[in-house]
């Protein structure tokens, strides 16, 4: 997000790199009035899912292009695997010499204006030309693209199911260019209600459900201070009318001691905000190059190998990865028996199930399906799977509650 000669150099490098490799994104011109003067690129999966399919809007960071951010994140690989569509807005160098989205300019980030309005028009283009499920549109971005993702869910909340914010900041962190740019290092410490107000002012009559917000941020980020993640959390928990105390803290997450996942539930008990905190990560996307189902991404200037493929887990949080959850009863009676828990898997996988102390696995504990006799306390069911290729998967925990408690 910082404008500098180094960033301009990185842009030129990425620009050359974009032409040096074969890319598969389609460029469209004439999609609308385009008041922000930005370009539309998209990716259609080789085998779209039957009926209407989800759409993910991917916003690049400074010095990046639509094609370079696709290579970094691997979104098109997942789109082919699961059958959803991708939209890649791209900045013009005439708008910003560092190729950043202008998240800090008021005439670009308010409803009906500038770059945000151009992105809205692109989404409408995709809906018109492809079988897009309007209830399954999500947005994600890194750095300046992350800040612009926050702009989109603040200015156009009715369009989106969820947003994933990588090293970004809250909506309208400053009143002008200088205060907004300064917020990257010295993020203002506002109350949740103060942060909420600037979002609500964009759509004072909006009565719908605001998008689920995922926040990913490295604790060693030298460009956007980690405190920005906490301010985003404060803003969007307030928007969802919940508090800033996490309801669930998972550490290590998926067995990774560099990743902590905090969950903030709304009044209905639904996940409203998720905060992923990364140890030993700077201003980069967490990736995990490899051939396993939950591996991918590209190491480089904007990608750091953290044994955590954040694009895959973003897709999972967006509801795009079928069969990753353990299926089974979440609310049980004390002492209830023959509870069934199962997960989709390869036939050659082996399984390690873990149930709370006092619970009993009935039968073979090394299958994709187990039967459990419960005790009288709530607890977690955990599953570690190793497939026939030696790939290790930690499936999301099942939180079992006792009915009436």
Foldseek 3Di string as FASTA:
>chain_A
DDDDPVLLVLLVVQVVVLVVDDFDWDWDPDLDPQQQPWTKTKDFAPAADPFAAAEEEEEEAFSHFQRRVCQQQVVNVLCNVQHHMYMYIFADCVNPVRRFDCLFDPQCQAAPGHPLVNVVSSVVSCVVPGRHDQLQYEYEYAESSLSNSLSNLLQPQSRHQEYEHHLYAHRPQDPHNVSVQVCQPVGDDDALVVSQVVSCVRPVPDDDQGHAYEYEYECAAPGGHPVRSLNNLSPQCVNLPFDSDFPDWDPPDFPQNQWIKTFTAHPVRHTRYIYIYGYPDYRAAEAADDDDPQHDGDDDPRYDHRNGSVSSVVCVVSVRDPQLAWDWDAEEAAQDWFTKIATDDDPQKWKDKDDDPPKDWPDDRTDRMTIIGHHHAWDKIWMWMQGPVRDIGTGDIRTHHYPPD
